[in-house]
Amino acid sequence: MLNREDLLSGTRPEIKHGRILMSGAEGFDGYEIVEYMGMCWGISVRAKDMGQDCAMGLKQMSGGELHSYTQLGDESRQRAVDRMLEMAGRQDANGIINVVFELNGTSSGASEVVVHGTAVAIKPVVNYVPTGAIGNVLAEIADGLQPTEPDEA
């Protein structure tokens, strides 16, 4: 059974070689930034074929979700992220901080996604004790795992 002290303290796991964490924040809870490697980014501009583009134009008249464009946006975002991760990997980074997405559509139905951040090398903080919201959530989890005393009548 977990106890509160074990849950609230301890070192975060090492990031395995080839794995990269991403965050929109300026760092990672429980990890120390040991080196800033520089900017990394990924760009994807994609378009659907003319037939699907025409079909989506007709769908705009009747309303509702444009599923083909939703899929296009998802594909563009994922490809841009993949490219950013590849670039960070070439820099031997295991983290990317301050990740920002820029999304643009064009009149021709193309989807442009740019994602960028700062590639960093991170390492776990030894005996890290979370504070703030994360610490409070972990404490509540630990408290919820504790057996309760039966009510005395």
Protein backbone atom coordinates (compact mmCIF):
# COMPACT_ATOMS: atom_id res chain seq x y z
CA MET A 1 0.00 0.00 0.00
CA LEU A 2 1.21 3.51 -0.78
CA ASN A 3 1.81 5.89 2.05
CA ARG A 4 1.72 9.66 1.90
CA GLU A 5 5.49 10.16 2.36
CA ASP A 6 6.40 7.70 -0.40
CA LEU A 7 3.94 9.31 -2.81
CA LEU A 8 5.00 12.88 -2.06
CA SER A 9 8.75 12.41 -2.24
CA GLY A 10 11.13 10.65 -4.53
CA THR A 11 13.11 11.10 -7.68
CA ARG A 12 11.37 11.32 -11.02
CA PRO A 13 12.40 8.70 -13.61
CA GLU A 14 15.28 9.32 -15.99
CA ILE A 15 14.20 10.14 -19.54
CA LYS A 16 15.27 7.19 -21.69
CA HIS A 17 17.56 7.92 -24.63
CA GLY A 18 15.54 8.88 -27.69
CA ARG A 19 12.50 10.00 -25.65
CA ILE A 20 11.62 13.69 -25.48
CA LEU A 21 9.18 15.39 -23.10
CA MET A 22 7.31 18.48 -24.32
CA SER A 23 5.72 21.27 -22.30
CA GLY A 24 4.16 24.64 -22.93
CA ALA A 25 5.63 25.70 -19.57
CA GLU A 26 9.13 26.93 -18.78
CA GLY A 27 10.19 23.59 -17.33
CA PHE A 28 9.10 20.17 -16.05
CA ASP A 29 7.92 19.45 -12.53
CA GLY A 30 10.62 17.42 -10.78
CA TYR A 31 13.27 17.94 -13.47
CA GLU A 32 16.16 20.39 -13.66
CA ILE A 33 17.21 21.99 -16.94
CA VAL A 34 20.95 21.36 -17.25
CA GLU A 35 21.49 22.75 -20.74
CA TYR A 36 19.66 24.88 -23.27
CA MET A 37 20.22 23.43 -26.75
CA GLY A 38 18.47 26.11 -28.82
CA MET A 39 15.29 26.56 -30.80
CA CYS A 40 13.55 23.68 -32.50
CA TRP A 41 10.54 23.79 -34.79
CA GLY A 42 8.39 21.87 -37.19
CA ILE A 43 6.28 23.09 -40.09
CA SER A 44 3.59 21.30 -42.06
CA VAL A 45 1.45 22.67 -44.88
CA ARG A 46 -1.08 20.18 -46.17
CA ALA A 47 -4.11 20.29 -48.45
CA LYS A 48 -6.94 17.93 -49.31
CA ASP A 49 -7.56 16.94 -52.89
CA MET A 50 -9.81 19.12 -55.04
CA GLY A 51 -12.79 16.74 -54.76
CA GLN A 52 -12.76 16.80 -50.97
CA ASP A 53 -12.22 20.56 -51.00
CA CYS A 54 -15.33 21.02 -53.17
CA ALA A 55 -17.35 18.71 -50.93
CA MET A 56 -16.30 20.69 -47.87
CA GLY A 57 -17.31 23.91 -49.63
CA LEU A 58 -20.83 22.49 -50.08
CA LYS A 59 -20.87 21.32 -46.45
CA GLN A 60 -20.18 24.91 -45.33
CA MET A 61 -23.55 25.90 -46.78
CA SER A 62 -25.47 23.36 -44.71
CA GLY A 63 -23.42 23.74 -41.53
CA GLY A 64 -21.88 21.18 -39.22
CA GLU A 65 -18.38 19.90 -38.66
CA LEU A 66 -16.12 19.73 -41.67
CA HIS A 67 -14.69 16.30 -40.89
CA SER A 68 -12.24 16.31 -43.78
CA TYR A 69 -10.77 19.63 -42.61
CA THR A 70 -10.66 18.40 -39.01
CA GLN A 71 -8.64 15.41 -40.15
CA LEU A 72 -6.43 17.71 -42.23
CA GLY A 73 -5.75 19.86 -39.15
CA ASP A 74 -4.89 16.79 -37.05
CA GLU A 75 -2.52 15.44 -39.71
CA SER A 76 -0.82 18.83 -40.10
CA ARG A 77 -0.36 19.25 -36.35
CA GLN A 78 1.06 15.76 -35.89
CA ARG A 79 3.50 16.10 -38.79
CA ALA A 80 4.72 19.47 -37.46
CA VAL A 81 5.24 17.95 -33.98
CA ASP A 82 7.09 14.98 -35.49
CA ARG A 83 9.44 17.35 -37.32
CA MET A 84 10.06 19.40 -34.17
CA LEU A 85 10.85 16.22 -32.20
CA GLU A 86 13.26 15.10 -34.96
CA MET A 87 15.07 18.44 -34.78
CA ALA A 88 15.29 18.30 -30.97
CA GLY A 89 16.60 14.73 -31.24
CA ARG A 90 19.38 15.88 -33.58
CA GLN A 91 20.34 18.37 -30.84
CA ASP A 92 20.47 15.49 -28.30
CA ALA A 93 17.70 17.12 -26.27
CA ASN A 94 15.41 15.12 -24.00
CA GLY A 95 12.95 17.95 -23.42
CA ILE A 96 11.28 20.84 -25.23
CA ILE A 97 9.94 23.77 -23.23
CA ASN A 98 7.75 26.76 -24.12
CA VAL A 99 6.05 24.83 -26.93
CA VAL A 100 3.77 27.06 -29.02
CA PHE A 101 1.49 26.16 -31.93
CA GLU A 102 0.63 28.59 -34.73
CA LEU A 103 -2.27 27.47 -36.91
CA ASN A 104 -3.28 29.03 -40.20
CA GLY A 105 -5.74 28.13 -42.91
CA THR A 106 -5.58 29.36 -46.45
CA SER A 107 -8.39 30.25 -48.81
CA SER A 108 -7.50 27.24 -50.93
CA GLY A 109 -8.27 24.86 -48.04
CA ALA A 110 -4.67 24.15 -47.05
CA SER A 111 -3.72 23.83 -43.40
CA GLU A 112 -0.46 25.31 -42.14
CA VAL A 113 0.88 24.41 -38.70
CA VAL A 114 4.07 25.77 -37.17
CA VAL A 115 5.16 24.48 -33.76
CA HIS A 116 8.26 25.69 -31.96
CA GLY A 117 9.96 25.58 -28.59
CA THR A 118 13.33 25.46 -26.86
CA ALA A 119 15.24 22.17 -26.86
CA VAL A 120 16.76 21.37 -23.47
CA ALA A 121 18.61 18.65 -21.59
CA ILE A 122 16.88 17.76 -18.33
CA LYS A 123 17.65 15.48 -15.41
CA PRO A 124 15.53 14.40 -12.45
CA VAL A 125 15.80 16.34 -9.21
CA VAL A 126 16.91 13.88 -6.52
CA ASN A 127 14.40 13.46 -3.65
CA TYR A 128 12.01 15.90 -5.26
CA VAL A 129 9.01 16.88 -3.13
CA PRO A 130 6.17 18.39 -5.18
CA THR A 131 4.46 21.52 -3.88
CA GLY A 132 1.51 23.58 -4.95
CA ALA A 133 -1.33 22.02 -6.92
CA ILE A 134 0.53 18.83 -7.86
CA GLY A 135 1.56 18.24 -4.26
CA ASN A 136 -2.00 18.83 -3.11
CA VAL A 137 -3.42 16.39 -5.66
CA LEU A 138 -0.89 13.72 -4.68
CA ALA A 139 -1.64 14.31 -0.98
CA GLU A 140 -5.37 13.89 -1.65
CA ILE A 141 -4.69 10.66 -3.55
CA ALA A 142 -2.56 9.38 -0.67
CA ASP A 143 -5.21 10.38 1.87
CA GLY A 144 -7.87 8.62 -0.20
CA LEU A 145 -5.82 5.42 -0.13
CA GLN A 146 -5.60 5.37 3.65
CA PRO A 147 -8.03 3.03 5.41
CA THR A 148 -10.69 4.88 7.33
CA GLU A 149 -11.68 4.17 10.89
CA PRO A 150 -15.17 2.71 11.20
CA ASP A 151 -17.65 5.05 12.84
CA GLU A 152 -18.23 4.21 16.47
CA ALA A 153 -21.85 4.04 17.41
